[in-house]
Amino acid sequence: MRTTITINDKLFRALKIRAAETDETVSSIVEDAIKYQLLEDMEDIETAKKRQNEPTLSFDSLVA
């Protein structure tokens, strides 16, 4: 699927350099970065779900 995104000029220049250095396309680098971020978010969500029944502790009780 094609889409349009707006990227900061400096970031885009760095992205193009990275693509040239690694012989990858800009699209593949962006897609990999998005996948990585989404997977990381999913892991965080799963961890939070697993811990949702744990007791809540105040900061003060932890440092006291």
C-alpha atoms as a PDB file:
ATOM      1  CA  MET A   1       0.000   0.000   0.000  1.00  0.00           C
ATOM      2  CA  ARG A   2       1.272   3.449  -0.803  1.00  0.00           C
ATOM      3  CA  THR A   3       0.920   6.330   1.607  1.00  0.00           C
ATOM      4  CA  THR A   4       2.333   9.788   2.192  1.00  0.00           C
ATOM      5  CA  ILE A   5       4.042  10.827   5.412  1.00  0.00           C
ATOM      6  CA  THR A   6       5.744  14.045   6.428  1.00  0.00           C
ATOM      7  CA  ILE A   7       9.286  13.630   7.771  1.00  0.00           C
ATOM      8  CA  ASN A   8      11.650  16.266   9.115  1.00  0.00           C
ATOM      9  CA  ASP A   9      14.227  17.234   6.444  1.00  0.00           C
ATOM     10  CA  LYS A  10      17.266  16.258   8.541  1.00  0.00           C
ATOM     11  CA  LEU A  11      15.695  12.942   9.454  1.00  0.00           C
ATOM     12  CA  PHE A  12      14.884  12.215   5.816  1.00  0.00           C
ATOM     13  CA  ARG A  13      18.453  12.997   4.744  1.00  0.00           C
ATOM     14  CA  ALA A  14      19.756  10.620   7.398  1.00  0.00           C
ATOM     15  CA  LEU A  15      17.250   8.010   6.260  1.00  0.00           C
ATOM     16  CA  LYS A  16      18.379   8.310   2.640  1.00  0.00           C
ATOM     17  CA  ILE A  17      22.035   8.000   3.680  1.00  0.00           C
ATOM     18  CA  ARG A  18      21.209   4.899   5.739  1.00  0.00           C
ATOM     19  CA  ALA A  19      19.347   3.396   2.801  1.00  0.00           C
ATOM     20  CA  ALA A  20      22.291   3.996   0.482  1.00  0.00           C
ATOM     21  CA  GLU A  21      24.814   2.610   2.978  1.00  0.00           C
ATOM     22  CA  THR A  22      22.818  -0.551   3.667  1.00  0.00           C
ATOM     23  CA  ASP A  23      21.522  -1.066   0.120  1.00  0.00           C
ATOM     24  CA  GLU A  24      17.947  -0.992   1.412  1.00  0.00           C
ATOM     25  CA  THR A  25      15.031   1.112   0.274  1.00  0.00           C
ATOM     26  CA  VAL A  26      13.757   4.007   2.327  1.00  0.00           C
ATOM     27  CA  SER A  27      10.393   2.240   2.405  1.00  0.00           C
ATOM     28  CA  SER A  28      11.845  -0.952   3.862  1.00  0.00           C
ATOM     29  CA  ILE A  29      13.694   0.943   6.591  1.00  0.00           C
ATOM     30  CA  VAL A  30      10.562   2.892   7.529  1.00  0.00           C
ATOM     31  CA  GLU A  31       8.451  -0.272   7.486  1.00  0.00           C
ATOM     32  CA  ASP A  32      10.938  -2.103   9.733  1.00  0.00           C
ATOM     33  CA  ALA A  33      10.985   0.826  12.168  1.00  0.00           C
ATOM     34  CA  ILE A  34       7.194   0.848  12.347  1.00  0.00           C
ATOM     35  CA  LYS A  35       7.042  -2.914  12.885  1.00  0.00           C
ATOM     36  CA  TYR A  36       9.642  -2.683  15.647  1.00  0.00           C
ATOM     37  CA  GLN A  37       7.728   0.077  17.413  1.00  0.00           C
ATOM     38  CA  LEU A  38       4.390  -1.712  17.147  1.00  0.00           C
ATOM     39  CA  LEU A  39       5.851  -4.980  18.442  1.00  0.00           C
ATOM     40  CA  GLU A  40       7.452  -3.157  21.349  1.00  0.00           C
ATOM     41  CA  ASP A  41       4.112  -1.525  22.170  1.00  0.00           C
ATOM     42  CA  MET A  42       2.361  -4.900  22.000  1.00  0.00           C
ATOM     43  CA  GLU A  43       4.904  -6.369  24.430  1.00  0.00           C
ATOM     44  CA  ASP A  44       4.318  -3.472  26.832  1.00  0.00           C
ATOM     45  CA  ILE A  45       0.549  -3.959  26.605  1.00  0.00           C
ATOM     46  CA  GLU A  46       0.858  -7.703  27.260  1.00  0.00           C
ATOM     47  CA  THR A  47       3.092  -7.071  30.278  1.00  0.00           C
ATOM     48  CA  ALA A  48       0.622  -4.538  31.667  1.00  0.00           C
ATOM     49  CA  LYS A  49      -2.271  -6.973  31.199  1.00  0.00           C
ATOM     50  CA  LYS A  50      -0.372  -9.705  33.043  1.00  0.00           C
ATOM     51  CA  ARG A  51       0.320  -7.338  35.946  1.00  0.00           C
ATOM     52  CA  GLN A  52      -3.111  -5.693  36.164  1.00  0.00           C
ATOM     53  CA  ASN A  53      -4.136  -7.725  39.234  1.00  0.00           C
ATOM     54  CA  GLU A  54      -0.994  -6.972  41.209  1.00  0.00           C
ATOM     55  CA  PRO A  55      -1.457  -4.771  44.266  1.00  0.00           C
ATOM     56  CA  THR A  56      -0.774  -1.068  43.855  1.00  0.00           C
ATOM     57  CA  LEU A  57       2.079   0.246  45.976  1.00  0.00           C
ATOM     58  CA  SER A  58       2.749   3.875  46.759  1.00  0.00           C
ATOM     59  CA  PHE A  59       6.160   5.351  46.114  1.00  0.00           C
ATOM     60  CA  ASP A  60       6.419   6.386  49.759  1.00  0.00           C
ATOM     61  CA  SER A  61       5.906   2.822  50.974  1.00  0.00           C
ATOM     62  CA  LEU A  62       8.648   1.579  48.650  1.00  0.00           C
ATOM     63  CA  VAL A  63      11.275   4.083  49.821  1.00  0.00           C
ATOM     64  CA  ALA A  64      10.353   4.084  53.496  1.00  0.00           C
END
